[in-house]
């Protein structure tokens, strides 16, 4: 199994444990892919999953910069239109950092800049 898929599986397990319902995985549009689409308490979360080894120069969530945010936003808008969603929407990140075989997982909600 590749690391990206492993991190996505970890993120799905993490989100489910926090009470999220997973609606879609690897949802692809012409604008890009959304790793996970989840729902909790009336909000639909469009989640980008990023993972890194402990010795990386930057945190995983820092890899979701403005260009990537805009691609995910366009894909999320398409999904919302196709599924006639009137829910609250959130672009979020699950960050996974590996430390000596253990994984530290964090959830960052509403990550879109300006």
PDB file of N, CA and C in Angstrom:
ATOM      1  N   UNK A   1       0.853  -1.184   0.000  1.00  0.00           N
ATOM      2  CA  UNK A   1       0.000   0.000   0.000  1.00  0.00           C
ATOM      3  C   UNK A   1       0.892   1.238   0.000  1.00  0.00           C
ATOM      4  N   UNK A   2       0.531   2.250  -0.801  1.00  0.00           N
ATOM      5  CA  UNK A   2       1.347   3.457  -0.816  1.00  0.00           C
ATOM      6  C   UNK A   2       0.999   4.359   0.365  1.00  0.00           C
ATOM      7  N   UNK A   3       1.906   5.277   0.669  1.00  0.00           N
ATOM      8  CA  UNK A   3       1.739   6.154   1.841  1.00  0.00           C
ATOM      9  C   UNK A   3       0.494   7.025   1.733  1.00  0.00           C
ATOM     10  N   UNK A   4       0.211   7.552   0.544  1.00  0.00           N
ATOM     11  CA  UNK A   4      -0.972   8.402   0.386  1.00  0.00           C
ATOM     12  C   UNK A   4      -2.243   7.666   0.751  1.00  0.00           C
ATOM     13  N   UNK A   5      -2.394   6.466   0.267  1.00  0.00           N
ATOM     14  CA  UNK A   5      -3.580   5.652   0.577  1.00  0.00           C
ATOM     15  C   UNK A   5      -3.624   5.310   2.066  1.00  0.00           C
ATOM     16  N   UNK A   6      -2.457   4.986   2.630  1.00  0.00           N
ATOM     17  CA  UNK A   6      -2.389   4.679   4.063  1.00  0.00           C
ATOM     18  C   UNK A   6      -2.825   5.888   4.891  1.00  0.00           C
ATOM     19  N   UNK A   7      -2.336   7.073   4.533  1.00  0.00           N
ATOM     20  CA  UNK A   7      -2.722   8.284   5.268  1.00  0.00           C
ATOM     21  C   UNK A   7      -4.225   8.559   5.123  1.00  0.00           C
ATOM     22  N   UNK A   8      -4.774   8.348   3.936  1.00  0.00           N
ATOM     23  CA  UNK A   8      -6.215   8.547   3.750  1.00  0.00           C
ATOM     24  C   UNK A   8      -7.013   7.563   4.598  1.00  0.00           C
ATOM     25  N   UNK A   9      -6.579   6.305   4.652  1.00  0.00           N
ATOM     26  CA  UNK A   9      -7.258   5.318   5.500  1.00  0.00           C
ATOM     27  C   UNK A   9      -7.190   5.742   6.972  1.00  0.00           C
ATOM     28  N   UNK A  10      -6.026   6.219   7.411  1.00  0.00           N
ATOM     29  CA  UNK A  10      -5.878   6.709   8.787  1.00  0.00           C
ATOM     30  C   UNK A  10      -6.814   7.882   9.048  1.00  0.00           C
ATOM     31  N   UNK A  11      -6.908   8.792   8.077  1.00  0.00           N
ATOM     32  CA  UNK A  11      -7.778   9.959   8.224  1.00  0.00           C
ATOM     33  C   UNK A  11      -9.245   9.546   8.321  1.00  0.00           C
ATOM     34  N   UNK A  12      -9.669   8.581   7.505  1.00  0.00           N
ATOM     35  CA  UNK A  12     -11.047   8.093   7.558  1.00  0.00           C
ATOM     36  C   UNK A  12     -11.334   7.487   8.941  1.00  0.00           C
ATOM     37  N   UNK A  13     -10.426   6.665   9.437  1.00  0.00           N
ATOM     38  CA  UNK A  13     -10.609   6.076  10.775  1.00  0.00           C
ATOM     39  C   UNK A  13     -10.697   7.154  11.841  1.00  0.00           C
ATOM     40  N   UNK A  14      -9.827   8.157  11.747  1.00  0.00           N
ATOM     41  CA  UNK A  14      -9.808   9.272  12.702  1.00  0.00           C
ATOM     42  C   UNK A  14     -11.141  10.031  12.668  1.00  0.00           C
ATOM     43  N   UNK A  15     -11.596  10.374  11.463  1.00  0.00           N
ATOM     44  CA  UNK A  15     -12.845  11.132  11.328  1.00  0.00           C
ATOM     45  C   UNK A  15     -14.043  10.333  11.837  1.00  0.00           C
ATOM     46  N   UNK A  16     -14.103   9.063  11.493  1.00  0.00           N
ATOM     47  CA  UNK A  16     -15.215   8.228  11.987  1.00  0.00           C
ATOM     48  C   UNK A  16     -15.222   8.171  13.513  1.00  0.00           C
ATOM     49  N   UNK A  17     -14.049   8.051  14.115  1.00  0.00           N
ATOM     50  CA  UNK A  17     -13.948   8.008  15.578  1.00  0.00           C
ATOM     51  C   UNK A  17     -14.417   9.322  16.204  1.00  0.00           C
ATOM     52  N   UNK A  18     -14.339  10.422  15.441  1.00  0.00           N
ATOM     53  CA  UNK A  18     -14.790  11.736  15.918  1.00  0.00           C
ATOM     54  C   UNK A  18     -16.253  12.008  15.569  1.00  0.00           C
ATOM     55  N   UNK A  19     -16.940  11.013  15.016  1.00  0.00           N
ATOM     56  CA  UNK A  19     -18.367  11.152  14.750  1.00  0.00           C
ATOM     57  C   UNK A  19     -18.735  11.613  13.353  1.00  0.00           C
ATOM     58  N   UNK A  20     -17.782  11.664  12.440  1.00  0.00           N
ATOM     59  CA  UNK A  20     -18.068  12.051  11.066  1.00  0.00           C
ATOM     60  C   UNK A  20     -18.617  10.868  10.291  1.00  0.00           C
ATOM     61  N   UNK A  21     -19.507  11.153   9.348  1.00  0.00           N
ATOM     62  CA  UNK A  21     -19.977  10.140   8.393  1.00  0.00           C
ATOM     63  C   UNK A  21     -19.260  10.413   7.080  1.00  0.00           C
ATOM     64  N   UNK A  22     -18.645   9.393   6.521  1.00  0.00           N
ATOM     65  CA  UNK A  22     -17.917   9.539   5.266  1.00  0.00           C
ATOM     66  C   UNK A  22     -18.901   9.418   4.105  1.00  0.00           C
ATOM     67  N   UNK A  23     -18.969  10.464   3.289  1.00  0.00           N
ATOM     68  CA  UNK A  23     -19.863  10.476   2.123  1.00  0.00           C
ATOM     69  C   UNK A  23     -19.164   9.964   0.874  1.00  0.00           C
ATOM     70  N   UNK A  24     -17.904  10.356   0.673  1.00  0.00           N
ATOM     71  CA  UNK A  24     -17.161   9.997  -0.538  1.00  0.00           C
ATOM     72  C   UNK A  24     -15.667   9.944  -0.205  1.00  0.00           C
ATOM     73  N   UNK A  25     -14.952   9.176  -1.013  1.00  0.00           N
ATOM     74  CA  UNK A  25     -13.489   9.176  -0.977  1.00  0.00           C
ATOM     75  C   UNK A  25     -12.983   9.350  -2.391  1.00  0.00           C
ATOM     76  N   UNK A  26     -11.916  10.108  -2.533  1.00  0.00           N
ATOM     77  CA  UNK A  26     -11.276  10.324  -3.832  1.00  0.00           C
ATOM     78  C   UNK A  26     -12.280  10.780  -4.898  1.00  0.00           C
ATOM     79  N   UNK A  27     -13.054  11.783  -4.549  1.00  0.00           N
ATOM     80  CA  UNK A  27     -14.030  12.365  -5.472  1.00  0.00           C
ATOM     81  C   UNK A  27     -13.283  13.225  -6.491  1.00  0.00           C
ATOM     82  N   UNK A  28     -13.428  12.887  -7.774  1.00  0.00           N
ATOM     83  CA  UNK A  28     -12.655  13.546  -8.814  1.00  0.00           C
ATOM     84  C   UNK A  28     -13.557  14.367  -9.731  1.00  0.00           C
ATOM     85  N   UNK A  29     -13.118  15.587  -9.998  1.00  0.00           N
ATOM     86  CA  UNK A  29     -13.776  16.463 -10.966  1.00  0.00           C
ATOM     87  C   UNK A  29     -12.711  16.947 -11.938  1.00  0.00           C
ATOM     88  N   UNK A  30     -13.118  17.728 -12.912  1.00  0.00           N
ATOM     89  CA  UNK A  30     -12.137  18.283 -13.851  1.00  0.00           C
ATOM     90  C   UNK A  30     -11.222  19.296 -13.178  1.00  0.00           C
ATOM     91  N   UNK A  31     -11.604  19.787 -12.003  1.00  0.00           N
ATOM     92  CA  UNK A  31     -10.789  20.772 -11.284  1.00  0.00           C
ATOM     93  C   UNK A  31      -9.832  20.131 -10.303  1.00  0.00           C
ATOM     94  N   UNK A  32     -10.033  18.874  -9.995  1.00  0.00           N
ATOM     95  CA  UNK A  32      -9.145  18.202  -9.063  1.00  0.00           C
ATOM     96  C   UNK A  32      -9.880  17.169  -8.239  1.00  0.00           C
ATOM     97  N   UNK A  33      -9.143  16.610  -7.311  1.00  0.00           N
ATOM     98  CA  UNK A  33      -9.678  15.544  -6.464  1.00  0.00           C
ATOM     99  C   UNK A  33      -9.843  16.034  -5.030  1.00  0.00           C
ATOM    100  N   UNK A  34     -10.886  15.542  -4.397  1.00  0.00           N
ATOM    101  CA  UNK A  34     -11.090  15.766  -2.967  1.00  0.00           C
ATOM    102  C   UNK A  34     -10.847  14.422  -2.291  1.00  0.00           C
ATOM    103  N   UNK A  35      -9.920  14.390  -1.347  1.00  0.00           N
ATOM    104  CA  UNK A  35      -9.559  13.126  -0.717  1.00  0.00           C
ATOM    105  C   UNK A  35     -10.739  12.492   0.020  1.00  0.00           C
ATOM    106  N   UNK A  36     -11.408  13.284   0.863  1.00  0.00           N
ATOM    107  CA  UNK A  36     -12.526  12.764   1.662  1.00  0.00           C
ATOM    108  C   UNK A  36     -13.613  13.823   1.730  1.00  0.00           C
ATOM    109  N   UNK A  37     -14.846  13.388   1.556  1.00  0.00           N
ATOM    110  CA  UNK A  37     -16.001  14.246   1.816  1.00  0.00           C
ATOM    111  C   UNK A  37     -16.738  13.600   2.972  1.00  0.00           C
ATOM    112  N   UNK A  38     -16.850  14.359   4.071  1.00  0.00           N
ATOM    113  CA  UNK A  38     -17.451  13.836   5.296  1.00  0.00           C
ATOM    114  C   UNK A  38     -18.531  14.794   5.778  1.00  0.00           C
ATOM    115  N   UNK A  39     -19.367  14.297   6.674  1.00  0.00           N
ATOM    116  CA  UNK A  39     -20.458  15.113   7.196  1.00  0.00           C
ATOM    117  C   UNK A  39     -20.576  14.908   8.701  1.00  0.00           C
ATOM    118  N   UNK A  40     -20.865  16.006   9.384  1.00  0.00           N
ATOM    119  CA  UNK A  40     -21.096  15.938  10.829  1.00  0.00           C
ATOM    120  C   UNK A  40     -21.946  17.132  11.238  1.00  0.00           C
ATOM    121  N   UNK A  41     -22.994  16.865  11.944  1.00  0.00           N
ATOM    122  CA  UNK A  41     -23.869  17.890  12.510  1.00  0.00           C
ATOM    123  C   UNK A  41     -24.258  18.969  11.501  1.00  0.00           C
ATOM    124  N   UNK A  42     -24.686  18.546  10.314  1.00  0.00           N
ATOM    125  CA  UNK A  42     -25.203  19.475   9.325  1.00  0.00           C
ATOM    126  C   UNK A  42     -24.156  20.195   8.492  1.00  0.00           C
ATOM    127  N   UNK A  43     -22.891  19.891   8.696  1.00  0.00           N
ATOM    128  CA  UNK A  43     -21.824  20.502   7.901  1.00  0.00           C
ATOM    129  C   UNK A  43     -21.172  19.430   7.042  1.00  0.00           C
ATOM    130  N   UNK A  44     -20.908  19.774   5.776  1.00  0.00           N
ATOM    131  CA  UNK A  44     -20.191  18.885   4.874  1.00  0.00           C
ATOM    132  C   UNK A  44     -18.745  19.385   4.803  1.00  0.00           C
ATOM    133  N   UNK A  45     -17.814  18.474   5.062  1.00  0.00           N
ATOM    134  CA  UNK A  45     -16.390  18.785   5.105  1.00  0.00           C
ATOM    135  C   UNK A  45     -15.701  18.199   3.881  1.00  0.00           C
ATOM    136  N   UNK A  46     -14.980  19.044   3.162  1.00  0.00           N
ATOM    137  CA  UNK A  46     -14.174  18.627   2.030  1.00  0.00           C
ATOM    138  C   UNK A  46     -12.739  18.584   2.550  1.00  0.00           C
ATOM    139  N   UNK A  47     -12.212  17.377   2.702  1.00  0.00           N
ATOM    140  CA  UNK A  47     -10.989  17.179   3.479  1.00  0.00           C
ATOM    141  C   UNK A  47      -9.820  16.784   2.582  1.00  0.00           C
ATOM    142  N   UNK A  48      -8.752  17.538   2.701  1.00  0.00           N
ATOM    143  CA  UNK A  48      -7.477  17.207   2.072  1.00  0.00           C
ATOM    144  C   UNK A  48      -6.631  16.508   3.135  1.00  0.00           C
ATOM    145  N   UNK A  49      -6.015  15.393   2.765  1.00  0.00           N
ATOM    146  CA  UNK A  49      -5.188  14.632   3.704  1.00  0.00           C
ATOM    147  C   UNK A  49      -3.721  14.841   3.335  1.00  0.00           C
ATOM    148  N   UNK A  50      -2.919  15.227   4.320  1.00  0.00           N
ATOM    149  CA  UNK A  50      -1.491  15.421   4.110  1.00  0.00           C
ATOM    150  C   UNK A  50      -0.721  14.729   5.231  1.00  0.00           C
ATOM    151  N   UNK A  51       0.309  14.010   4.844  1.00  0.00           N
ATOM    152  CA  UNK A  51       1.135  13.316   5.826  1.00  0.00           C
ATOM    153  C   UNK A  51       2.608  13.545   5.566  1.00  0.00           C
ATOM    154  N   UNK A  52       3.397  13.468   6.620  1.00  0.00           N
ATOM    155  CA  UNK A  52       4.835  13.670   6.530  1.00  0.00           C
ATOM    156  C   UNK A  52       5.541  12.820   7.568  1.00  0.00           C
ATOM    157  N   UNK A  53       6.793  12.579   7.305  1.00  0.00           N
ATOM    158  CA  UNK A  53       7.665  11.970   8.303  1.00  0.00           C
ATOM    159  C   UNK A  53       8.091  13.064   9.283  1.00  0.00           C
ATOM    160  N   UNK A  54       8.478  12.670  10.447  1.00  0.00           N
ATOM    161  CA  UNK A  54       8.863  13.596  11.517  1.00  0.00           C
ATOM    162  C   UNK A  54       9.930  14.602  11.078  1.00  0.00           C
ATOM    163  N   UNK A  55      10.878  14.194  10.277  1.00  0.00           N
ATOM    164  CA  UNK A  55      11.998  15.057   9.933  1.00  0.00           C
ATOM    165  C   UNK A  55      11.714  16.042   8.802  1.00  0.00           C
ATOM    166  N   UNK A  56      10.488  16.211   8.381  1.00  0.00           N
ATOM    167  CA  UNK A  56      10.164  17.143   7.306  1.00  0.00           C
ATOM    168  C   UNK A  56      10.416  18.581   7.735  1.00  0.00           C
ATOM    169  N   UNK A  57      10.647  19.436   6.747  1.00  0.00           N
ATOM    170  CA  UNK A  57      10.936  20.853   7.006  1.00  0.00           C
ATOM    171  C   UNK A  57       9.688  21.650   7.372  1.00  0.00           C
ATOM    172  N   UNK A  58       8.530  21.118   7.054  1.00  0.00           N
ATOM    173  CA  UNK A  58       7.292  21.849   7.330  1.00  0.00           C
ATOM    174  C   UNK A  58       6.198  20.867   7.725  1.00  0.00           C
ATOM    175  N   UNK A  59       5.174  21.388   8.377  1.00  0.00           N
ATOM    176  CA  UNK A  59       4.046  20.570   8.812  1.00  0.00           C
ATOM    177  C   UNK A  59       3.181  20.207   7.601  1.00  0.00           C
ATOM    178  N   UNK A  60       2.532  19.052   7.637  1.00  0.00           N
ATOM    179  CA  UNK A  60       1.714  18.629   6.487  1.00  0.00           C
ATOM    180  C   UNK A  60       0.659  19.643   6.075  1.00  0.00           C
ATOM    181  N   UNK A  61      -0.002  20.255   7.040  1.00  0.00           N
ATOM    182  CA  UNK A  61      -1.077  21.199   6.709  1.00  0.00           C
ATOM    183  C   UNK A  61      -0.545  22.416   5.946  1.00  0.00           C
ATOM    184  N   UNK A  62       0.735  22.717   6.089  1.00  0.00           N
ATOM    185  CA  UNK A  62       1.330  23.838   5.364  1.00  0.00           C
ATOM    186  C   UNK A  62       1.450  23.552   3.866  1.00  0.00           C
ATOM    187  N   UNK A  63       1.328  22.305   3.473  1.00  0.00           N
ATOM    188  CA  UNK A  63       1.403  21.943   2.055  1.00  0.00           C
ATOM    189  C   UNK A  63       0.124  22.290   1.302  1.00  0.00           C
ATOM    190  N   UNK A  64      -0.932  22.595   2.019  1.00  0.00           N
ATOM    191  CA  UNK A  64      -2.200  22.957   1.375  1.00  0.00           C
ATOM    192  C   UNK A  64      -2.222  24.472   1.230  1.00  0.00           C
ATOM    193  N   UNK A  65      -1.494  24.939   0.225  1.00  0.00           N
ATOM    194  CA  UNK A  65      -1.361  26.369  -0.005  1.00  0.00           C
ATOM    195  C   UNK A  65      -2.494  26.884  -0.877  1.00  0.00           C
ATOM    196  N   UNK A  66      -2.478  28.165  -1.130  1.00  0.00           N
ATOM    197  CA  UNK A  66      -3.583  28.857  -1.792  1.00  0.00           C
ATOM    198  C   UNK A  66      -4.015  28.187  -3.109  1.00  0.00           C
ATOM    199  N   UNK A  67      -3.065  27.800  -3.949  1.00  0.00           N
ATOM    200  CA  UNK A  67      -3.422  27.175  -5.237  1.00  0.00           C
ATOM    201  C   UNK A  67      -4.201  25.874  -5.008  1.00  0.00           C
ATOM    202  N   UNK A  68      -3.730  25.045  -4.098  1.00  0.00           N
ATOM    203  CA  UNK A  68      -4.415  23.781  -3.795  1.00  0.00           C
ATOM    204  C   UNK A  68      -5.772  24.059  -3.170  1.00  0.00           C
ATOM    205  N   UNK A  69      -5.849  25.043  -2.291  1.00  0.00           N
ATOM    206  CA  UNK A  69      -7.128  25.405  -1.675  1.00  0.00           C
ATOM    207  C   UNK A  69      -8.146  25.798  -2.738  1.00  0.00           C
ATOM    208  N   UNK A  70      -7.723  26.574  -3.721  1.00  0.00           N
ATOM    209  CA  UNK A  70      -8.632  27.023  -4.772  1.00  0.00           C
ATOM    210  C   UNK A  70      -9.120  25.861  -5.630  1.00  0.00           C
ATOM    211  N   UNK A  71      -8.234  24.882  -5.909  1.00  0.00           N
ATOM    212  CA  UNK A  71      -8.636  23.701  -6.676  1.00  0.00           C
ATOM    213  C   UNK A  71      -9.671  22.879  -5.901  1.00  0.00           C
ATOM    214  N   UNK A  72      -9.425  22.692  -4.607  1.00  0.00           N
ATOM    215  CA  UNK A  72     -10.365  21.932  -3.782  1.00  0.00           C
ATOM    216  C   UNK A  72     -11.681  22.697  -3.665  1.00  0.00           C
ATOM    217  N   UNK A  73     -11.601  24.016  -3.527  1.00  0.00           N
ATOM    218  CA  UNK A  73     -12.811  24.834  -3.439  1.00  0.00           C
ATOM    219  C   UNK A  73     -13.670  24.689  -4.692  1.00  0.00           C
ATOM    220  N   UNK A  74     -13.049  24.750  -5.870  1.00  0.00           N
ATOM    221  CA  UNK A  74     -13.824  24.583  -7.113  1.00  0.00           C
ATOM    222  C   UNK A  74     -14.456  23.191  -7.188  1.00  0.00           C
ATOM    223  N   UNK A  75     -13.699  22.170  -6.813  1.00  0.00           N
ATOM    224  CA  UNK A  75     -14.250  20.813  -6.823  1.00  0.00           C
ATOM    225  C   UNK A  75     -15.386  20.685  -5.798  1.00  0.00           C
ATOM    226  N   UNK A  76     -15.231  21.310  -4.643  1.00  0.00           N
ATOM    227  CA  UNK A  76     -16.272  21.276  -3.605  1.00  0.00           C
ATOM    228  C   UNK A  76     -17.539  21.989  -4.076  1.00  0.00           C
ATOM    229  N   UNK A  77     -17.375  23.116  -4.747  1.00  0.00           N
ATOM    230  CA  UNK A  77     -18.535  23.836  -5.268  1.00  0.00           C
ATOM    231  C   UNK A  77     -19.282  22.985  -6.300  1.00  0.00           C
ATOM    232  N   UNK A  78     -18.523  22.286  -7.133  1.00  0.00           N
ATOM    233  CA  UNK A  78     -19.135  21.389  -8.122  1.00  0.00           C
ATOM    234  C   UNK A  78     -19.917  20.292  -7.409  1.00  0.00           C
ATOM    235  N   UNK A  79     -19.304  19.669  -6.413  1.00  0.00           N
ATOM    236  CA  UNK A  79     -19.957  18.597  -5.661  1.00  0.00           C
ATOM    237  C   UNK A  79     -21.248  19.121  -5.017  1.00  0.00           C
ATOM    238  N   UNK A  80     -21.161  20.283  -4.385  1.00  0.00           N
ATOM    239  CA  UNK A  80     -22.333  20.859  -3.719  1.00  0.00           C
ATOM    240  C   UNK A  80     -23.453  21.130  -4.717  1.00  0.00           C
ATOM    241  N   UNK A  81     -23.102  21.615  -5.891  1.00  0.00           N
ATOM    242  CA  UNK A  81     -24.105  21.878  -6.922  1.00  0.00           C
ATOM    243  C   UNK A  81     -24.725  20.572  -7.425  1.00  0.00           C
ATOM    244  N   UNK A  82     -23.912  19.573  -7.688  1.00  0.00           N
ATOM    245  CA  UNK A  82     -24.402  18.296  -8.206  1.00  0.00           C
ATOM    246  C   UNK A  82     -25.272  17.553  -7.198  1.00  0.00           C
ATOM    247  N   UNK A  83     -25.046  17.783  -5.926  1.00  0.00           N
ATOM    248  CA  UNK A  83     -25.794  17.094  -4.874  1.00  0.00           C
ATOM    249  C   UNK A  83     -26.792  18.018  -4.177  1.00  0.00           C
ATOM    250  N   UNK A  84     -27.032  19.175  -4.788  1.00  0.00           N
ATOM    251  CA  UNK A  84     -27.942  20.192  -4.262  1.00  0.00           C
ATOM    252  C   UNK A  84     -27.825  20.336  -2.741  1.00  0.00           C
ATOM    253  N   UNK A  85     -26.614  20.592  -2.305  1.00  0.00           N
ATOM    254  CA  UNK A  85     -26.365  20.772  -0.872  1.00  0.00           C
ATOM    255  C   UNK A  85     -26.672  22.198  -0.463  1.00  0.00           C
ATOM    256  N   UNK A  86     -27.387  22.338   0.623  1.00  0.00           N
ATOM    257  CA  UNK A  86     -27.571  23.662   1.211  1.00  0.00           C
ATOM    258  C   UNK A  86     -26.993  23.671   2.627  1.00  0.00           C
ATOM    259  N   UNK A  87     -26.175  22.676   2.913  1.00  0.00           N
ATOM    260  CA  UNK A  87     -25.513  22.571   4.212  1.00  0.00           C
ATOM    261  C   UNK A  87     -24.423  23.635   4.341  1.00  0.00           C
ATOM    262  N   UNK A  88     -23.915  23.768   5.569  1.00  0.00           N
ATOM    263  CA  UNK A  88     -22.683  24.514   5.760  1.00  0.00           C
ATOM    264  C   UNK A  88     -21.571  23.687   5.139  1.00  0.00           C
ATOM    265  N   UNK A  89     -20.600  24.357   4.512  1.00  0.00           N
ATOM    266  CA  UNK A  89     -19.497  23.671   3.864  1.00  0.00           C
ATOM    267  C   UNK A  89     -18.186  24.116   4.490  1.00  0.00           C
ATOM    268  N   UNK A  90     -17.246  23.189   4.608  1.00  0.00           N
ATOM    269  CA  UNK A  90     -15.950  23.498   5.201  1.00  0.00           C
ATOM    270  C   UNK A  90     -14.840  22.815   4.423  1.00  0.00           C
ATOM    271  N   UNK A  91     -13.829  23.572   4.030  1.00  0.00           N
ATOM    272  CA  UNK A  91     -12.615  22.992   3.466  1.00  0.00           C
ATOM    273  C   UNK A  91     -11.650  22.795   4.619  1.00  0.00           C
ATOM    274  N   UNK A  92     -11.245  21.557   4.814  1.00  0.00           N
ATOM    275  CA  UNK A  92     -10.476  21.197   5.995  1.00  0.00           C
ATOM    276  C   UNK A  92      -9.289  20.321   5.624  1.00  0.00           C
ATOM    277  N   UNK A  93      -8.393  20.138   6.580  1.00  0.00           N
ATOM    278  CA  UNK A  93      -7.200  19.317   6.372  1.00  0.00           C
ATOM    279  C   UNK A  93      -7.049  18.354   7.539  1.00  0.00           C
ATOM    280  N   UNK A  94      -6.735  17.102   7.218  1.00  0.00           N
ATOM    281  CA  UNK A  94      -6.268  16.151   8.227  1.00  0.00           C
ATOM    282  C   UNK A  94      -4.764  16.041   8.020  1.00  0.00           C
ATOM    283  N   UNK A  95      -4.029  16.364   9.076  1.00  0.00           N
ATOM    284  CA  UNK A  95      -2.568  16.351   9.057  1.00  0.00           C
ATOM    285  C   UNK A  95      -2.071  15.132   9.829  1.00  0.00           C
ATOM    286  N   UNK A  96      -1.161  14.385   9.212  1.00  0.00           N
ATOM    287  CA  UNK A  96      -0.621  13.188   9.858  1.00  0.00           C
ATOM    288  C   UNK A  96       0.899  13.298   9.867  1.00  0.00           C
ATOM    289  N   UNK A  97       1.475  13.208  11.068  1.00  0.00           N
ATOM    290  CA  UNK A  97       2.931  13.237  11.215  1.00  0.00           C
ATOM    291  C   UNK A  97       3.352  11.937  11.875  1.00  0.00           C
ATOM    292  N   UNK A  98       4.286  11.249  11.235  1.00  0.00           N
ATOM    293  CA  UNK A  98       4.794   9.991  11.788  1.00  0.00           C
ATOM    294  C   UNK A  98       5.994  10.265  12.695  1.00  0.00           C
ATOM    295  N   UNK A  99       5.947   9.668  13.894  1.00  0.00           N
ATOM    296  CA  UNK A  99       7.031   9.766  14.867  1.00  0.00           C
ATOM    297  C   UNK A  99       7.419   8.359  15.289  1.00  0.00           C
ATOM    298  N   UNK A 100       8.527   7.857  14.792  1.00  0.00           N
ATOM    299  CA  UNK A 100       9.012   6.522  15.185  1.00  0.00           C
ATOM    300  C   UNK A 100       7.924   5.453  15.082  1.00  0.00           C
ATOM    301  N   UNK A 101       7.188   5.453  13.998  1.00  0.00           N
ATOM    302  CA  UNK A 101       6.163   4.445  13.775  1.00  0.00           C
ATOM    303  C   UNK A 101       4.786   4.818  14.298  1.00  0.00           C
ATOM    304  N   UNK A 102       4.710   5.774  15.222  1.00  0.00           N
ATOM    305  CA  UNK A 102       3.415   6.253  15.736  1.00  0.00           C
ATOM    306  C   UNK A 102       2.972   7.442  14.880  1.00  0.00           C
ATOM    307  N   UNK A 103       1.668   7.668  14.815  1.00  0.00           N
ATOM    308  CA  UNK A 103       1.144   8.766  14.004  1.00  0.00           C
ATOM    309  C   UNK A 103       0.382   9.750  14.874  1.00  0.00           C
ATOM    310  N   UNK A 104       0.699  11.023  14.671  1.00  0.00           N
ATOM    311  CA  UNK A 104      -0.027  12.108  15.324  1.00  0.00           C
ATOM    312  C   UNK A 104      -0.963  12.697  14.282  1.00  0.00           C
ATOM    313  N   UNK A 105      -2.266  12.686  14.577  1.00  0.00           N
ATOM    314  CA  UNK A 105      -3.268  13.134  13.602  1.00  0.00           C
ATOM    315  C   UNK A 105      -3.993  14.349  14.160  1.00  0.00           C
ATOM    316  N   UNK A 106      -4.097  15.389  13.328  1.00  0.00           N
ATOM    317  CA  UNK A 106      -4.806  16.612  13.712  1.00  0.00           C
ATOM    318  C   UNK A 106      -5.793  16.991  12.614  1.00  0.00           C
ATOM    319  N   UNK A 107      -6.866  17.666  13.028  1.00  0.00           N
ATOM    320  CA  UNK A 107      -7.903  18.122  12.109  1.00  0.00           C
ATOM    321  C   UNK A 107      -7.915  19.646  12.126  1.00  0.00           C
ATOM    322  N   UNK A 108      -7.795  20.259  10.940  1.00  0.00           N
ATOM    323  CA  UNK A 108      -7.840  21.708  10.794  1.00  0.00           C
ATOM    324  C   UNK A 108      -9.057  22.060   9.955  1.00  0.00           C
ATOM    325  N   UNK A 109      -9.981  22.786  10.563  1.00  0.00           N
ATOM    326  CA  UNK A 109     -11.245  23.134   9.918  1.00  0.00           C
ATOM    327  C   UNK A 109     -11.150  24.510   9.265  1.00  0.00           C
ATOM    328  N   UNK A 110     -11.838  24.687   8.137  1.00  0.00           N
ATOM    329  CA  UNK A 110     -11.939  25.974   7.445  1.00  0.00           C
ATOM    330  C   UNK A 110     -10.578  26.574   7.143  1.00  0.00           C
ATOM    331  N   UNK A 111      -9.848  25.940   6.247  1.00  0.00           N
ATOM    332  CA  UNK A 111      -8.469  26.345   5.971  1.00  0.00           C
ATOM    333  C   UNK A 111      -8.301  27.315   4.800  1.00  0.00           C
ATOM    334  N   UNK A 112      -9.375  27.677   4.138  1.00  0.00           N
ATOM    335  CA  UNK A 112      -9.251  28.542   2.956  1.00  0.00           C
ATOM    336  C   UNK A 112      -8.785  29.936   3.373  1.00  0.00           C
ATOM    337  N   UNK A 113      -7.765  30.431   2.670  1.00  0.00           N
ATOM    338  CA  UNK A 113      -7.250  31.774   2.924  1.00  0.00           C
ATOM    339  C   UNK A 113      -8.019  32.779   2.074  1.00  0.00           C
ATOM    340  N   UNK A 114      -8.161  33.988   2.650  1.00  0.00           N
ATOM    341  CA  UNK A 114      -8.727  35.142   1.955  1.00  0.00           C
ATOM    342  C   UNK A 114      -9.618  34.782   0.891  1.00  0.00           C
TER     343      UNK A 114
END
